[in-house]
Amino acid sequence: MGIRYGSDEWAKALCQELNKSQAWKDAAKNWEGDIYFMVEPREPWLEGFAMYFDLWHGECREACVVQDESEKNPAYRIWAPYSVWKQIMDKKLDGVQAMMTGKLSMQGDMAQVMKMPRATTELTNCSLLIDTEFPE
């Protein structure tokens, strides 16, 4: 049985995978800023949630699920419906492309994100290493 997507355990598992990945470290070596990945509560069977990641120069320093968005004040917030996040996790949709087409919404320095598309790809690749159980 896998780790449920959107759980605190899943966020921590992704943090561990990022910290083990040399490809992530190289791609994100200039990244500065913590982030919320937020799933909107659009599907009637799924409550919205936010996963927090403190990412700094290729290192994940903290990861957790937050119950209240005001718990942290991240430099970046990226949100979308669950179905979009699932497409990204299934590698049917590129994260940067999703931002550019408005499927993912973002608050923060878009220029920094666009300078490091490989970091987005490597973050997705690391997430695929987790034995994930998706809510359906």
N, C-alpha and C. Protein backbone atom coordinates (compact mmCIF):
# COMPACT_ATOMS: atom_id res chain seq x y z
N MET A 1 0.84 -1.18 0.00
CA MET A 1 0.00 0.00 0.00
C MET A 1 0.89 1.24 0.00
N GLY A 2 0.54 2.21 -0.84
CA GLY A 2 1.35 3.41 -0.97
C GLY A 2 1.02 4.47 0.06
N ILE A 3 1.69 5.60 -0.08
CA ILE A 3 1.47 6.75 0.79
C ILE A 3 0.42 7.64 0.13
N ARG A 4 -0.56 8.05 0.88
CA ARG A 4 -1.67 8.85 0.33
C ARG A 4 -1.16 10.23 -0.11
N TYR A 5 -1.43 10.56 -1.36
CA TYR A 5 -1.09 11.88 -1.90
C TYR A 5 -1.80 12.96 -1.09
N GLY A 6 -1.04 13.97 -0.71
CA GLY A 6 -1.61 15.07 0.06
C GLY A 6 -1.49 14.90 1.56
N SER A 7 -0.92 13.79 2.00
CA SER A 7 -0.74 13.58 3.44
C SER A 7 0.60 14.17 3.88
N ASP A 8 0.72 14.37 5.18
CA ASP A 8 1.97 14.87 5.74
C ASP A 8 3.10 13.88 5.44
N GLU A 9 2.80 12.61 5.53
CA GLU A 9 3.78 11.56 5.24
C GLU A 9 4.28 11.66 3.80
N TRP A 10 3.36 11.96 2.86
CA TRP A 10 3.74 12.08 1.45
C TRP A 10 4.65 13.29 1.26
N ALA A 11 4.31 14.43 1.87
CA ALA A 11 5.13 15.64 1.75
C ALA A 11 6.54 15.37 2.26
N LYS A 12 6.64 14.70 3.38
CA LYS A 12 7.96 14.39 3.96
C LYS A 12 8.73 13.40 3.08
N ALA A 13 8.02 12.45 2.47
CA ALA A 13 8.67 11.50 1.56
C ALA A 13 9.23 12.23 0.34
N LEU A 14 8.49 13.21 -0.19
CA LEU A 14 9.01 13.98 -1.32
C LEU A 14 10.24 14.77 -0.90
N CYS A 15 10.20 15.35 0.27
CA CYS A 15 11.36 16.10 0.77
C CYS A 15 12.60 15.18 0.82
N GLN A 16 12.42 13.96 1.31
CA GLN A 16 13.53 13.01 1.37
C GLN A 16 14.05 12.67 -0.02
N GLU A 17 13.13 12.45 -0.96
CA GLU A 17 13.55 12.12 -2.33
C GLU A 17 14.31 13.30 -2.96
N LEU A 18 13.85 14.50 -2.73
CA LEU A 18 14.56 15.68 -3.26
C LEU A 18 15.96 15.74 -2.70
N ASN A 19 16.10 15.51 -1.41
CA ASN A 19 17.41 15.60 -0.77
C ASN A 19 18.36 14.49 -1.20
N LYS A 20 17.83 13.39 -1.72
CA LYS A 20 18.67 12.29 -2.23
C LYS A 20 19.05 12.48 -3.70
N SER A 21 18.37 13.38 -4.40
CA SER A 21 18.53 13.50 -5.85
C SER A 21 19.59 14.52 -6.25
N GLN A 22 20.63 14.05 -6.89
CA GLN A 22 21.66 14.96 -7.40
C GLN A 22 21.12 15.79 -8.56
N ALA A 23 20.23 15.20 -9.36
CA ALA A 23 19.64 15.94 -10.48
C ALA A 23 18.83 17.14 -9.95
N TRP A 24 18.07 16.93 -8.87
CA TRP A 24 17.33 18.03 -8.25
C TRP A 24 18.29 19.08 -7.69
N LYS A 25 19.31 18.62 -6.98
CA LYS A 25 20.27 19.57 -6.39
C LYS A 25 20.90 20.45 -7.47
N ASP A 26 21.25 19.85 -8.60
CA ASP A 26 21.87 20.61 -9.69
C ASP A 26 20.86 21.58 -10.33
N ALA A 27 19.65 21.10 -10.57
CA ALA A 27 18.64 21.93 -11.24
C ALA A 27 18.15 23.08 -10.37
N ALA A 28 18.13 22.86 -9.05
CA ALA A 28 17.57 23.85 -8.12
C ALA A 28 18.64 24.56 -7.30
N LYS A 29 19.89 24.50 -7.76
CA LYS A 29 20.99 25.07 -6.96
C LYS A 29 20.84 26.57 -6.71
N ASN A 30 20.11 27.27 -7.56
CA ASN A 30 19.90 28.71 -7.36
C ASN A 30 18.50 29.05 -6.86
N TRP A 31 17.70 28.03 -6.57
CA TRP A 31 16.33 28.27 -6.12
C TRP A 31 16.34 28.82 -4.70
N GLU A 32 15.56 29.88 -4.49
CA GLU A 32 15.39 30.45 -3.16
C GLU A 32 13.91 30.73 -2.95
N GLY A 33 13.30 30.04 -2.02
CA GLY A 33 11.91 30.33 -1.71
C GLY A 33 11.11 29.12 -1.33
N ASP A 34 10.32 29.30 -0.29
CA ASP A 34 9.41 28.24 0.13
C ASP A 34 8.12 28.35 -0.68
N ILE A 35 7.34 27.27 -0.63
CA ILE A 35 6.22 27.17 -1.57
C ILE A 35 5.07 26.37 -0.96
N TYR A 36 3.86 26.76 -1.31
CA TYR A 36 2.66 25.95 -1.06
C TYR A 36 2.26 25.34 -2.40
N PHE A 37 2.05 24.04 -2.41
CA PHE A 37 1.36 23.37 -3.51
C PHE A 37 -0.05 23.12 -2.99
N MET A 38 -1.02 23.76 -3.61
CA MET A 38 -2.38 23.76 -3.08
C MET A 38 -3.35 23.06 -4.03
N VAL A 39 -4.11 22.14 -3.47
CA VAL A 39 -5.14 21.43 -4.23
C VAL A 39 -6.47 22.08 -3.89
N GLU A 40 -7.13 22.57 -4.92
CA GLU A 40 -8.42 23.24 -4.72
C GLU A 40 -9.51 22.22 -4.44
N PRO A 41 -10.46 22.57 -3.61
CA PRO A 41 -11.54 21.63 -3.26
C PRO A 41 -12.67 21.64 -4.28
N ARG A 42 -12.35 21.39 -5.53
CA ARG A 42 -13.39 21.43 -6.58
C ARG A 42 -14.13 20.11 -6.73
N GLU A 43 -13.43 19.02 -6.51
CA GLU A 43 -14.08 17.73 -6.62
C GLU A 43 -14.90 17.50 -5.35
N PRO A 44 -16.13 17.04 -5.47
CA PRO A 44 -16.98 16.91 -4.28
C PRO A 44 -16.49 15.88 -3.28
N TRP A 45 -15.65 14.96 -3.68
CA TRP A 45 -15.18 13.90 -2.81
C TRP A 45 -13.82 14.21 -2.18
N LEU A 46 -13.29 15.40 -2.46
CA LEU A 46 -11.95 15.72 -1.98
C LEU A 46 -11.91 17.13 -1.40
N GLU A 47 -11.50 17.22 -0.14
CA GLU A 47 -11.30 18.54 0.46
C GLU A 47 -10.00 19.12 -0.08
N GLY A 48 -9.94 20.43 -0.13
CA GLY A 48 -8.70 21.08 -0.55
C GLY A 48 -7.64 20.94 0.54
N PHE A 49 -6.39 21.05 0.14
CA PHE A 49 -5.29 21.00 1.11
C PHE A 49 -4.08 21.72 0.52
N ALA A 50 -3.13 22.01 1.38
CA ALA A 50 -1.89 22.66 0.94
C ALA A 50 -0.70 21.91 1.54
N MET A 51 0.27 21.63 0.68
CA MET A 51 1.53 21.04 1.15
C MET A 51 2.58 22.15 1.10
N TYR A 52 3.34 22.25 2.16
CA TYR A 52 4.37 23.29 2.29
C TYR A 52 5.74 22.65 2.09
N PHE A 53 6.58 23.32 1.30
CA PHE A 53 7.96 22.88 1.09
C PHE A 53 8.89 24.08 1.22
N ASP A 54 9.87 23.95 2.09
CA ASP A 54 10.90 24.98 2.24
C ASP A 54 12.09 24.51 1.38
N LEU A 55 12.21 25.12 0.21
CA LEU A 55 13.23 24.73 -0.77
C LEU A 55 14.27 25.84 -0.85
N TRP A 56 15.55 25.45 -0.73
CA TRP A 56 16.61 26.44 -0.69
C TRP A 56 17.87 25.86 -1.30
N HIS A 57 18.28 26.38 -2.44
CA HIS A 57 19.53 26.00 -3.11
C HIS A 57 19.68 24.47 -3.23
N GLY A 58 18.64 23.83 -3.75
CA GLY A 58 18.70 22.40 -4.01
C GLY A 58 18.47 21.52 -2.81
N GLU A 59 18.04 22.10 -1.72
CA GLU A 59 17.77 21.33 -0.50
C GLU A 59 16.32 21.55 -0.07
N CYS A 60 15.69 20.50 0.39
CA CYS A 60 14.38 20.62 1.01
C CYS A 60 14.61 20.64 2.51
N ARG A 61 14.33 21.79 3.12
CA ARG A 61 14.63 21.96 4.55
C ARG A 61 13.46 21.59 5.44
N GLU A 62 12.25 21.60 4.88
CA GLU A 62 11.05 21.25 5.66
C GLU A 62 9.93 20.92 4.70
N ALA A 63 9.05 20.02 5.12
CA ALA A 63 7.87 19.70 4.33
C ALA A 63 6.76 19.26 5.27
N CYS A 64 5.55 19.71 4.99
CA CYS A 64 4.41 19.32 5.82
C CYS A 64 3.12 19.72 5.12
N VAL A 65 2.02 19.19 5.60
CA VAL A 65 0.70 19.64 5.18
C VAL A 65 0.26 20.68 6.18
N VAL A 66 -0.27 21.78 5.69
CA VAL A 66 -0.76 22.82 6.59
C VAL A 66 -2.29 22.77 6.63
N GLN A 67 -2.82 22.96 7.80
CA GLN A 67 -4.27 22.94 7.98
C GLN A 67 -4.88 24.29 7.69
N ASP A 68 -4.09 25.33 7.89
CA ASP A 68 -4.55 26.70 7.71
C ASP A 68 -3.48 27.43 6.90
N GLU A 69 -3.87 28.01 5.78
CA GLU A 69 -2.89 28.68 4.91
C GLU A 69 -2.12 29.78 5.62
N SER A 70 -2.67 30.33 6.69
CA SER A 70 -1.98 31.40 7.40
C SER A 70 -0.86 30.88 8.32
N GLU A 71 -0.70 29.55 8.40
CA GLU A 71 0.37 28.97 9.22
C GLU A 71 1.76 29.42 8.74
N LYS A 72 1.90 29.54 7.44
CA LYS A 72 3.18 29.92 6.84
C LYS A 72 2.91 31.07 5.88
N ASN A 73 3.96 31.74 5.48
CA ASN A 73 3.85 32.80 4.49
C ASN A 73 4.89 32.56 3.40
N PRO A 74 4.64 31.56 2.53
CA PRO A 74 5.65 31.19 1.54
C PRO A 74 5.80 32.24 0.44
N ALA A 75 6.97 32.23 -0.17
CA ALA A 75 7.25 33.13 -1.29
C ALA A 75 6.42 32.78 -2.52
N TYR A 76 6.03 31.51 -2.63
CA TYR A 76 5.28 31.03 -3.79
C TYR A 76 4.05 30.25 -3.34
N ARG A 77 3.00 30.40 -4.11
CA ARG A 77 1.79 29.59 -3.95
C ARG A 77 1.38 29.13 -5.34
N ILE A 78 1.24 27.83 -5.49
CA ILE A 78 0.80 27.27 -6.77
C ILE A 78 -0.43 26.42 -6.47
N TRP A 79 -1.51 26.70 -7.20
CA TRP A 79 -2.75 25.98 -6.93
C TRP A 79 -3.43 25.56 -8.22
N ALA A 80 -4.19 24.48 -8.07
CA ALA A 80 -4.95 23.92 -9.19
C ALA A 80 -5.91 22.88 -8.64
N PRO A 81 -6.88 22.49 -9.44
CA PRO A 81 -7.73 21.36 -9.04
C PRO A 81 -6.90 20.07 -8.97
N TYR A 82 -7.40 19.12 -8.20
CA TYR A 82 -6.75 17.83 -8.06
C TYR A 82 -6.46 17.20 -9.42
N SER A 83 -7.41 17.30 -10.35
CA SER A 83 -7.26 16.65 -11.66
C SER A 83 -6.02 17.15 -12.40
N VAL A 84 -5.67 18.41 -12.25
CA VAL A 84 -4.46 18.95 -12.90
C VAL A 84 -3.21 18.40 -12.22
N TRP A 85 -3.19 18.39 -10.89
CA TRP A 85 -2.04 17.82 -10.17
C TRP A 85 -1.86 16.35 -10.56
N LYS A 86 -2.95 15.62 -10.69
CA LYS A 86 -2.87 14.20 -11.05
C LYS A 86 -2.27 14.04 -12.45
N GLN A 87 -2.66 14.89 -13.40
CA GLN A 87 -2.08 14.84 -14.75
C GLN A 87 -0.58 15.09 -14.71
N ILE A 88 -0.14 16.02 -13.87
CA ILE A 88 1.29 16.29 -13.73
C ILE A 88 2.00 15.07 -13.15
N MET A 89 1.40 14.49 -12.11
CA MET A 89 2.00 13.30 -11.47
C MET A 89 2.03 12.10 -12.41
N ASP A 90 1.08 12.05 -13.32
CA ASP A 90 1.04 10.96 -14.31
C ASP A 90 1.91 11.26 -15.53
N LYS A 91 2.59 12.42 -15.51
CA LYS A 91 3.45 12.89 -16.61
C LYS A 91 2.66 13.06 -17.91
N LYS A 92 1.38 13.40 -17.78
CA LYS A 92 0.56 13.71 -18.94
C LYS A 92 0.55 15.21 -19.20
N LEU A 93 1.06 15.97 -18.23
CA LEU A 93 1.09 17.42 -18.32
C LEU A 93 2.37 17.93 -17.67
N ASP A 94 3.09 18.78 -18.37
CA ASP A 94 4.32 19.38 -17.84
C ASP A 94 3.94 20.54 -16.91
N GLY A 95 4.61 20.62 -15.76
CA GLY A 95 4.31 21.65 -14.77
C GLY A 95 4.49 23.07 -15.29
N VAL A 96 5.57 23.33 -16.00
CA VAL A 96 5.81 24.68 -16.54
C VAL A 96 4.76 25.00 -17.59
N GLN A 97 4.47 24.04 -18.44
CA GLN A 97 3.44 24.24 -19.47
C GLN A 97 2.08 24.51 -18.81
N ALA A 98 1.80 23.81 -17.72
CA ALA A 98 0.54 24.02 -17.02
C ALA A 98 0.44 25.44 -16.47
N MET A 99 1.57 25.99 -16.00
CA MET A 99 1.58 27.38 -15.52
C MET A 99 1.35 28.35 -16.67
N MET A 100 2.03 28.09 -17.77
CA MET A 100 1.93 29.00 -18.92
C MET A 100 0.54 29.01 -19.55
N THR A 101 -0.18 27.90 -19.44
CA THR A 101 -1.51 27.82 -20.03
C THR A 101 -2.62 28.11 -19.03
N GLY A 102 -2.25 28.42 -17.79
CA GLY A 102 -3.25 28.78 -16.79
C GLY A 102 -3.92 27.61 -16.10
N LYS A 103 -3.44 26.39 -16.35
CA LYS A 103 -4.01 25.23 -15.66
C LYS A 103 -3.55 25.20 -14.20
N LEU A 104 -2.34 25.69 -13.96
CA LEU A 104 -1.83 25.93 -12.61
C LEU A 104 -1.82 27.44 -12.43
N SER A 105 -2.28 27.90 -11.30
CA SER A 105 -2.19 29.33 -10.97
C SER A 105 -1.04 29.52 -10.00
N MET A 106 -0.38 30.68 -10.11
CA MET A 106 0.79 30.91 -9.28
C MET A 106 0.81 32.32 -8.74
N GLN A 107 1.27 32.43 -7.51
CA GLN A 107 1.55 33.72 -6.90
C GLN A 107 3.01 33.67 -6.47
N GLY A 108 3.80 34.62 -6.92
CA GLY A 108 5.22 34.64 -6.62
C GLY A 108 5.99 35.12 -7.84
N ASP A 109 7.29 35.02 -7.79
CA ASP A 109 8.17 35.51 -8.85
C ASP A 109 8.21 34.54 -10.03
N MET A 110 7.34 34.77 -11.00
CA MET A 110 7.25 33.90 -12.18
C MET A 110 8.57 33.87 -12.96
N ALA A 111 9.28 34.98 -12.99
CA ALA A 111 10.56 35.04 -13.71
C ALA A 111 11.55 34.02 -13.16
N GLN A 112 11.61 33.88 -11.84
CA GLN A 112 12.53 32.90 -11.24
C GLN A 112 12.13 31.49 -11.64
N VAL A 113 10.84 31.22 -11.61
CA VAL A 113 10.36 29.88 -11.98
C VAL A 113 10.71 29.58 -13.44
N MET A 114 10.52 30.54 -14.33
CA MET A 114 10.79 30.35 -15.75
C MET A 114 12.28 30.19 -16.05
N LYS A 115 13.14 30.69 -15.16
CA LYS A 115 14.58 30.53 -15.35
C LYS A 115 15.04 29.11 -15.03
N MET A 116 14.22 28.35 -14.29
CA MET A 116 14.64 27.02 -13.84
C MET A 116 13.61 25.95 -14.15
N PRO A 117 13.25 25.78 -15.42
CA PRO A 117 12.24 24.76 -15.74
C PRO A 117 12.70 23.35 -15.39
N ARG A 118 14.01 23.12 -15.43
CA ARG A 118 14.53 21.78 -15.09
C ARG A 118 14.25 21.44 -13.63
N ALA A 119 14.22 22.46 -12.76
CA ALA A 119 13.93 22.20 -11.35
C ALA A 119 12.50 21.66 -11.20
N THR A 120 11.57 22.22 -11.98
CA THR A 120 10.19 21.73 -11.95
C THR A 120 10.13 20.28 -12.42
N THR A 121 10.85 19.99 -13.49
CA THR A 121 10.88 18.62 -14.03
C THR A 121 11.47 17.66 -13.01
N GLU A 122 12.56 18.05 -12.38
CA GLU A 122 13.21 17.15 -11.41
C GLU A 122 12.36 16.97 -10.16
N LEU A 123 11.65 18.01 -9.76
CA LEU A 123 10.74 17.87 -8.61
C LEU A 123 9.66 16.84 -8.95
N THR A 124 9.11 16.92 -10.15
CA THR A 124 8.11 15.94 -10.58
C THR A 124 8.72 14.55 -10.63
N ASN A 125 9.93 14.43 -11.18
CA ASN A 125 10.59 13.12 -11.25
C ASN A 125 10.78 12.52 -9.86
N CYS A 126 11.15 13.35 -8.89
CA CYS A 126 11.31 12.85 -7.52
C CYS A 126 9.98 12.39 -6.94
N SER A 127 8.92 13.11 -7.26
CA SER A 127 7.60 12.72 -6.73
C SER A 127 7.17 11.36 -7.28
N LEU A 128 7.64 11.01 -8.47
CA LEU A 128 7.28 9.73 -9.08
C LEU A 128 7.97 8.55 -8.40
N LEU A 129 8.99 8.82 -7.61
CA LEU A 129 9.70 7.77 -6.89
C LEU A 129 8.94 7.29 -5.65
N ILE A 130 7.93 8.05 -5.26
CA ILE A 130 7.14 7.71 -4.08
C ILE A 130 6.03 6.75 -4.49
N ASP A 131 5.87 5.67 -3.74
CA ASP A 131 4.76 4.76 -3.97
C ASP A 131 3.51 5.48 -3.48
N THR A 132 2.78 6.09 -4.42
CA THR A 132 1.69 6.99 -4.08
C THR A 132 0.33 6.35 -4.27
N GLU A 133 -0.51 6.56 -3.28
CA GLU A 133 -1.92 6.15 -3.35
C GLU A 133 -2.72 7.43 -3.60
N PHE A 134 -3.40 7.49 -4.72
CA PHE A 134 -4.19 8.67 -5.06
C PHE A 134 -5.63 8.49 -4.64
N PRO A 135 -6.21 9.53 -4.05
CA PRO A 135 -7.65 9.44 -3.74
C PRO A 135 -8.44 9.42 -5.05
N GLU A 136 -9.39 8.56 -5.15
CA GLU A 136 -10.21 8.46 -6.37
C GLU A 136 -11.67 8.44 -6.04
